[in-house]
Amino acid sequence: ADEVEILTRQALHHPLEDIRPCLSLEQVRAIRSAIAAVRVSDEVKSYIVQLVAQTRGRPGVALGASPRASITLMKLAQALAAFDGMEFVLPDHVQEIAIPAVAHRLALDPQAKFSGLTARQVMRDILQGVAAPR
Protein backbone atom coordinates (compact mmCIF):
# COMPACT_ATOMS: atom_id res chain seq x y z
CA ALA A 1 0.00 0.00 0.00
CA ASP A 2 2.86 2.37 0.81
CA GLU A 3 4.51 1.79 -2.54
CA VAL A 4 1.22 2.33 -4.37
CA GLU A 5 0.86 5.63 -2.50
CA ILE A 6 4.37 6.64 -3.61
CA LEU A 7 3.47 5.91 -7.21
CA THR A 8 0.22 7.84 -6.91
CA ARG A 9 1.92 10.91 -5.40
CA GLN A 10 4.67 10.96 -7.99
CA ALA A 11 2.48 10.30 -11.02
CA LEU A 12 1.82 14.02 -11.42
CA HIS A 13 4.53 15.71 -9.34
CA HIS A 14 8.05 14.61 -8.43
CA PRO A 15 9.46 16.01 -5.14
CA LEU A 16 12.69 17.04 -6.89
CA GLU A 17 10.70 19.69 -8.71
CA ASP A 18 10.37 21.55 -5.40
CA ILE A 19 14.12 21.84 -4.78
CA ARG A 20 15.39 25.40 -4.78
CA PRO A 21 19.01 26.60 -4.73
CA CYS A 22 20.42 27.50 -1.35
CA LEU A 23 23.35 29.47 -2.84
CA SER A 24 23.78 31.59 -5.90
CA LEU A 25 26.41 30.80 -8.51
CA GLU A 26 28.38 33.83 -7.31
CA GLN A 27 28.33 32.53 -3.74
CA VAL A 28 29.57 29.11 -4.87
CA ARG A 29 32.38 30.75 -6.84
CA ALA A 30 33.34 32.86 -3.81
CA ILE A 31 33.49 29.77 -1.59
CA ARG A 32 35.60 27.92 -4.15
CA SER A 33 37.98 30.89 -4.38
CA ALA A 34 38.27 31.12 -0.61
CA ILE A 35 39.10 27.41 -0.38
CA ALA A 36 41.65 27.63 -3.21
CA ALA A 37 43.35 30.53 -1.39
CA VAL A 38 44.10 28.33 1.64
CA ARG A 39 47.86 27.73 1.57
CA VAL A 40 49.37 24.25 1.44
CA SER A 41 53.05 24.09 2.34
CA ASP A 42 55.46 21.95 0.35
CA GLU A 43 55.86 19.75 3.44
CA VAL A 44 52.13 19.08 3.61
CA LYS A 45 52.01 18.46 -0.14
CA SER A 46 54.83 15.92 0.24
CA TYR A 47 52.94 14.31 3.10
CA ILE A 48 49.83 13.98 0.94
CA VAL A 49 51.87 12.44 -1.89
CA GLN A 50 53.53 9.99 0.53
CA LEU A 51 50.17 8.88 1.94
CA VAL A 52 48.72 8.23 -1.50
CA ALA A 53 51.90 6.63 -2.85
CA GLN A 54 51.85 4.17 0.08
CA THR A 55 48.61 2.72 -1.31
CA ARG A 56 50.47 1.47 -4.39
CA GLY A 57 52.26 -1.86 -4.19
CA ARG A 58 50.98 -2.47 -0.69
CA PRO A 59 50.22 -6.10 0.25
CA GLY A 60 46.55 -6.82 -0.28
CA VAL A 61 46.02 -3.84 -2.58
CA ALA A 62 45.55 -4.77 -6.22
CA LEU A 63 45.21 -1.18 -7.38
CA GLY A 64 46.31 1.80 -5.34
CA ALA A 65 45.21 5.42 -5.55
CA SER A 66 46.32 7.63 -8.43
CA PRO A 67 47.69 11.18 -8.34
CA ARG A 68 44.07 12.35 -8.71
CA ALA A 69 43.59 11.09 -5.15
CA SER A 70 46.43 13.37 -4.02
CA ILE A 71 44.77 16.34 -5.71
CA THR A 72 41.41 15.55 -4.14
CA LEU A 73 42.96 15.00 -0.71
CA MET A 74 44.72 18.37 -0.90
CA LYS A 75 41.56 20.20 -1.99
CA LEU A 76 39.48 18.56 0.75
CA ALA A 77 42.12 19.46 3.34
CA GLN A 78 41.99 23.05 2.08
CA ALA A 79 38.21 23.04 2.51
CA LEU A 80 38.50 21.70 6.06
CA ALA A 81 41.07 24.37 6.90
CA ALA A 82 38.80 27.06 5.44
CA PHE A 83 35.87 25.75 7.48
CA ASP A 84 38.13 25.96 10.53
CA GLY A 85 38.83 29.61 9.67
CA MET A 86 42.49 28.91 8.93
CA GLU A 87 44.61 30.32 6.13
CA PHE A 88 46.76 27.20 5.78
CA VAL A 89 46.39 23.42 5.87
CA LEU A 90 47.65 21.45 8.85
CA PRO A 91 48.58 17.76 8.73
CA ASP A 92 45.56 17.27 11.01
CA HIS A 93 43.28 18.39 8.18
CA VAL A 94 44.86 15.85 5.84
CA GLN A 95 44.54 13.09 8.44
CA GLU A 96 40.93 13.96 9.16
CA ILE A 97 39.82 13.47 5.57
CA ALA A 98 42.36 10.94 4.24
CA ILE A 99 40.36 7.79 4.93
CA PRO A 100 37.08 8.82 3.27
CA ALA A 101 38.92 10.63 0.47
CA VAL A 102 41.26 7.80 -0.51
CA ALA A 103 39.96 4.45 0.80
CA HIS A 104 37.14 4.13 -1.72
CA ARG A 105 39.70 4.49 -4.53
CA LEU A 106 41.55 1.32 -3.55
CA ALA A 107 40.90 -2.04 -5.15
CA LEU A 108 41.83 -4.88 -2.81
CA ASP A 109 43.00 -8.34 -3.83
CA PRO A 110 40.18 -10.88 -3.54
CA GLN A 111 42.20 -12.90 -1.02
CA ALA A 112 42.79 -9.81 1.13
CA LYS A 113 39.07 -9.00 1.09
CA PHE A 114 38.25 -12.60 1.96
CA SER A 115 40.67 -12.35 4.89
CA GLY A 116 38.76 -9.32 6.18
CA LEU A 117 41.06 -6.52 5.06
CA THR A 118 39.26 -3.30 4.21
CA ALA A 119 40.43 -0.25 2.29
CA ARG A 120 39.68 1.86 5.35
CA GLN A 121 42.04 -0.33 7.41
CA VAL A 122 44.73 0.03 4.76
CA MET A 123 44.43 3.82 5.03
CA ARG A 124 44.46 3.71 8.85
CA ASP A 125 47.68 1.68 8.71
CA ILE A 126 49.21 4.10 6.22
CA LEU A 127 48.29 7.09 8.38
CA GLN A 128 49.95 5.44 11.37
CA GLY A 129 53.06 4.56 9.37
CA VAL A 130 53.78 7.83 7.58
CA ALA A 131 55.20 10.57 9.76
CA ALA A 132 53.32 13.84 9.54
CA PRO A 133 55.33 17.04 9.06
CA ARG A 134 55.77 19.23 12.11
C-alpha atoms as a PDB file:
ATOM      1  CA  ALA A   1       0.000   0.000   0.000  1.00  0.00           C
ATOM      2  CA  ASP A   2       2.859   2.371   0.808  1.00  0.00           C
ATOM      3  CA  GLU A   3       4.508   1.788  -2.541  1.00  0.00           C
ATOM      4  CA  VAL A   4       1.218   2.328  -4.371  1.00  0.00           C
ATOM      5  CA  GLU A   5       0.865   5.629  -2.501  1.00  0.00           C
ATOM      6  CA  ILE A   6       4.369   6.637  -3.611  1.00  0.00           C
ATOM      7  CA  LEU A   7       3.471   5.913  -7.213  1.00  0.00           C
ATOM      8  CA  THR A   8       0.220   7.842  -6.911  1.00  0.00           C
ATOM      9  CA  ARG A   9       1.916  10.912  -5.400  1.00  0.00           C
ATOM     10  CA  GLN A  10       4.673  10.958  -7.990  1.00  0.00           C
ATOM     11  CA  ALA A  11       2.481  10.296 -11.024  1.00  0.00           C
ATOM     12  CA  LEU A  12       1.818  14.021 -11.416  1.00  0.00           C
ATOM     13  CA  HIS A  13       4.530  15.707  -9.344  1.00  0.00           C
ATOM     14  CA  HIS A  14       8.046  14.614  -8.426  1.00  0.00           C
ATOM     15  CA  PRO A  15       9.464  16.013  -5.145  1.00  0.00           C
ATOM     16  CA  LEU A  16      12.694  17.036  -6.892  1.00  0.00           C
ATOM     17  CA  GLU A  17      10.699  19.685  -8.715  1.00  0.00           C
ATOM     18  CA  ASP A  18      10.366  21.549  -5.399  1.00  0.00           C
ATOM     19  CA  ILE A  19      14.115  21.844  -4.776  1.00  0.00           C
ATOM     20  CA  ARG A  20      15.394  25.403  -4.784  1.00  0.00           C
ATOM     21  CA  PRO A  21      19.011  26.604  -4.730  1.00  0.00           C
ATOM     22  CA  CYS A  22      20.417  27.502  -1.347  1.00  0.00           C
ATOM     23  CA  LEU A  23      23.346  29.467  -2.838  1.00  0.00           C
ATOM     24  CA  SER A  24      23.777  31.595  -5.899  1.00  0.00           C
ATOM     25  CA  LEU A  25      26.406  30.800  -8.506  1.00  0.00           C
ATOM     26  CA  GLU A  26      28.385  33.830  -7.312  1.00  0.00           C
ATOM     27  CA  GLN A  27      28.334  32.526  -3.741  1.00  0.00           C
ATOM     28  CA  VAL A  28      29.575  29.110  -4.872  1.00  0.00           C
ATOM     29  CA  ARG A  29      32.382  30.754  -6.840  1.00  0.00           C
ATOM     30  CA  ALA A  30      33.339  32.858  -3.812  1.00  0.00           C
ATOM     31  CA  ILE A  31      33.487  29.773  -1.591  1.00  0.00           C
ATOM     32  CA  ARG A  32      35.602  27.918  -4.152  1.00  0.00           C
ATOM     33  CA  SER A  33      37.980  30.893  -4.377  1.00  0.00           C
ATOM     34  CA  ALA A  34      38.269  31.116  -0.611  1.00  0.00           C
ATOM     35  CA  ILE A  35      39.104  27.415  -0.383  1.00  0.00           C
ATOM     36  CA  ALA A  36      41.649  27.632  -3.206  1.00  0.00           C
ATOM     37  CA  ALA A  37      43.346  30.528  -1.386  1.00  0.00           C
ATOM     38  CA  VAL A  38      44.105  28.326   1.644  1.00  0.00           C
ATOM     39  CA  ARG A  39      47.863  27.734   1.571  1.00  0.00           C
ATOM     40  CA  VAL A  40      49.375  24.254   1.439  1.00  0.00           C
ATOM     41  CA  SER A  41      53.052  24.086   2.336  1.00  0.00           C
ATOM     42  CA  ASP A  42      55.462  21.952   0.349  1.00  0.00           C
ATOM     43  CA  GLU A  43      55.864  19.752   3.442  1.00  0.00           C
ATOM     44  CA  VAL A  44      52.133  19.080   3.613  1.00  0.00           C
ATOM     45  CA  LYS A  45      52.007  18.459  -0.143  1.00  0.00           C
ATOM     46  CA  SER A  46      54.826  15.921   0.241  1.00  0.00           C
ATOM     47  CA  TYR A  47      52.935  14.312   3.105  1.00  0.00           C
ATOM     48  CA  ILE A  48      49.830  13.979   0.939  1.00  0.00           C
ATOM     49  CA  VAL A  49      51.869  12.441  -1.891  1.00  0.00           C
ATOM     50  CA  GLN A  50      53.526   9.988   0.531  1.00  0.00           C
ATOM     51  CA  LEU A  51      50.169   8.883   1.936  1.00  0.00           C
ATOM     52  CA  VAL A  52      48.717   8.234  -1.504  1.00  0.00           C
ATOM     53  CA  ALA A  53      51.901   6.625  -2.849  1.00  0.00           C
ATOM     54  CA  GLN A  54      51.851   4.170   0.078  1.00  0.00           C
ATOM     55  CA  THR A  55      48.606   2.716  -1.305  1.00  0.00           C
ATOM     56  CA  ARG A  56      50.465   1.470  -4.387  1.00  0.00           C
ATOM     57  CA  GLY A  57      52.257  -1.863  -4.194  1.00  0.00           C
ATOM     58  CA  ARG A  58      50.981  -2.472  -0.694  1.00  0.00           C
ATOM     59  CA  PRO A  59      50.217  -6.104   0.254  1.00  0.00           C
ATOM     60  CA  GLY A  60      46.549  -6.820  -0.284  1.00  0.00           C
ATOM     61  CA  VAL A  61      46.019  -3.839  -2.580  1.00  0.00           C
ATOM     62  CA  ALA A  62      45.549  -4.772  -6.223  1.00  0.00           C
ATOM     63  CA  LEU A  63      45.212  -1.181  -7.385  1.00  0.00           C
ATOM     64  CA  GLY A  64      46.309   1.805  -5.342  1.00  0.00           C
ATOM     65  CA  ALA A  65      45.207   5.415  -5.553  1.00  0.00           C
ATOM     66  CA  SER A  66      46.316   7.633  -8.426  1.00  0.00           C
ATOM     67  CA  PRO A  67      47.694  11.183  -8.340  1.00  0.00           C
ATOM     68  CA  ARG A  68      44.074  12.352  -8.708  1.00  0.00           C
ATOM     69  CA  ALA A  69      43.588  11.086  -5.149  1.00  0.00           C
ATOM     70  CA  SER A  70      46.427  13.368  -4.020  1.00  0.00           C
ATOM     71  CA  ILE A  71      44.771  16.342  -5.711  1.00  0.00           C
ATOM     72  CA  THR A  72      41.412  15.546  -4.135  1.00  0.00           C
ATOM     73  CA  LEU A  73      42.965  14.998  -0.707  1.00  0.00           C
ATOM     74  CA  MET A  74      44.719  18.365  -0.904  1.00  0.00           C
ATOM     75  CA  LYS A  75      41.555  20.196  -1.994  1.00  0.00           C
ATOM     76  CA  LEU A  76      39.483  18.560   0.746  1.00  0.00           C
ATOM     77  CA  ALA A  77      42.124  19.455   3.336  1.00  0.00           C
ATOM     78  CA  GLN A  78      41.988  23.052   2.078  1.00  0.00           C
ATOM     79  CA  ALA A  79      38.214  23.035   2.508  1.00  0.00           C
ATOM     80  CA  LEU A  80      38.499  21.700   6.057  1.00  0.00           C
ATOM     81  CA  ALA A  81      41.073  24.369   6.900  1.00  0.00           C
ATOM     82  CA  ALA A  82      38.802  27.056   5.440  1.00  0.00           C
ATOM     83  CA  PHE A  83      35.869  25.753   7.477  1.00  0.00           C
ATOM     84  CA  ASP A  84      38.125  25.961  10.530  1.00  0.00           C
ATOM     85  CA  GLY A  85      38.834  29.607   9.674  1.00  0.00           C
ATOM     86  CA  MET A  86      42.490  28.908   8.930  1.00  0.00           C
ATOM     87  CA  GLU A  87      44.609  30.322   6.129  1.00  0.00           C
ATOM     88  CA  PHE A  88      46.760  27.198   5.781  1.00  0.00           C
ATOM     89  CA  VAL A  89      46.387  23.420   5.871  1.00  0.00           C
ATOM     90  CA  LEU A  90      47.653  21.450   8.845  1.00  0.00           C
ATOM     91  CA  PRO A  91      48.582  17.762   8.728  1.00  0.00           C
ATOM     92  CA  ASP A  92      45.562  17.272  11.009  1.00  0.00           C
ATOM     93  CA  HIS A  93      43.280  18.391   8.182  1.00  0.00           C
ATOM     94  CA  VAL A  94      44.864  15.847   5.841  1.00  0.00           C
ATOM     95  CA  GLN A  95      44.544  13.089   8.444  1.00  0.00           C
ATOM     96  CA  GLU A  96      40.928  13.958   9.163  1.00  0.00           C
ATOM     97  CA  ILE A  97      39.817  13.466   5.572  1.00  0.00           C
ATOM     98  CA  ALA A  98      42.363  10.936   4.236  1.00  0.00           C
ATOM     99  CA  ILE A  99      40.359   7.787   4.927  1.00  0.00           C
ATOM    100  CA  PRO A 100      37.081   8.816   3.270  1.00  0.00           C
ATOM    101  CA  ALA A 101      38.923  10.627   0.466  1.00  0.00           C
ATOM    102  CA  VAL A 102      41.256   7.798  -0.505  1.00  0.00           C
ATOM    103  CA  ALA A 103      39.958   4.447   0.795  1.00  0.00           C
ATOM    104  CA  HIS A 104      37.141   4.130  -1.721  1.00  0.00           C
ATOM    105  CA  ARG A 105      39.699   4.494  -4.531  1.00  0.00           C
ATOM    106  CA  LEU A 106      41.554   1.316  -3.548  1.00  0.00           C
ATOM    107  CA  ALA A 107      40.899  -2.043  -5.147  1.00  0.00           C
ATOM    108  CA  LEU A 108      41.828  -4.877  -2.811  1.00  0.00           C
ATOM    109  CA  ASP A 109      43.001  -8.343  -3.829  1.00  0.00           C
ATOM    110  CA  PRO A 110      40.176 -10.881  -3.539  1.00  0.00           C
ATOM    111  CA  GLN A 111      42.195 -12.901  -1.017  1.00  0.00           C
ATOM    112  CA  ALA A 112      42.793  -9.811   1.127  1.00  0.00           C
ATOM    113  CA  LYS A 113      39.075  -8.996   1.095  1.00  0.00           C
ATOM    114  CA  PHE A 114      38.249 -12.599   1.957  1.00  0.00           C
ATOM    115  CA  SER A 115      40.666 -12.351   4.886  1.00  0.00           C
ATOM    116  CA  GLY A 116      38.759  -9.319   6.177  1.00  0.00           C
ATOM    117  CA  LEU A 117      41.063  -6.523   5.061  1.00  0.00           C
ATOM    118  CA  THR A 118      39.265  -3.296   4.210  1.00  0.00           C
ATOM    119  CA  ALA A 119      40.430  -0.255   2.293  1.00  0.00           C
ATOM    120  CA  ARG A 120      39.680   1.861   5.353  1.00  0.00           C
ATOM    121  CA  GLN A 121      42.038  -0.325   7.413  1.00  0.00           C
ATOM    122  CA  VAL A 122      44.725   0.031   4.761  1.00  0.00           C
ATOM    123  CA  MET A 123      44.426   3.815   5.035  1.00  0.00           C
ATOM    124  CA  ARG A 124      44.460   3.707   8.849  1.00  0.00           C
ATOM    125  CA  ASP A 125      47.680   1.676   8.707  1.00  0.00           C
ATOM    126  CA  ILE A 126      49.215   4.101   6.222  1.00  0.00           C
ATOM    127  CA  LEU A 127      48.289   7.094   8.382  1.00  0.00           C
ATOM    128  CA  GLN A 128      49.945   5.438  11.370  1.00  0.00           C
ATOM    129  CA  GLY A 129      53.060   4.558   9.367  1.00  0.00           C
ATOM    130  CA  VAL A 130      53.778   7.827   7.581  1.00  0.00           C
ATOM    131  CA  ALA A 131      55.201  10.566   9.764  1.00  0.00           C
ATOM    132  CA  ALA A 132      53.324  13.843   9.539  1.00  0.00           C
ATOM    133  CA  PRO A 133      55.330  17.040   9.061  1.00  0.00           C
ATOM    134  CA  ARG A 134      55.775  19.226  12.114  1.00  0.00           C
END
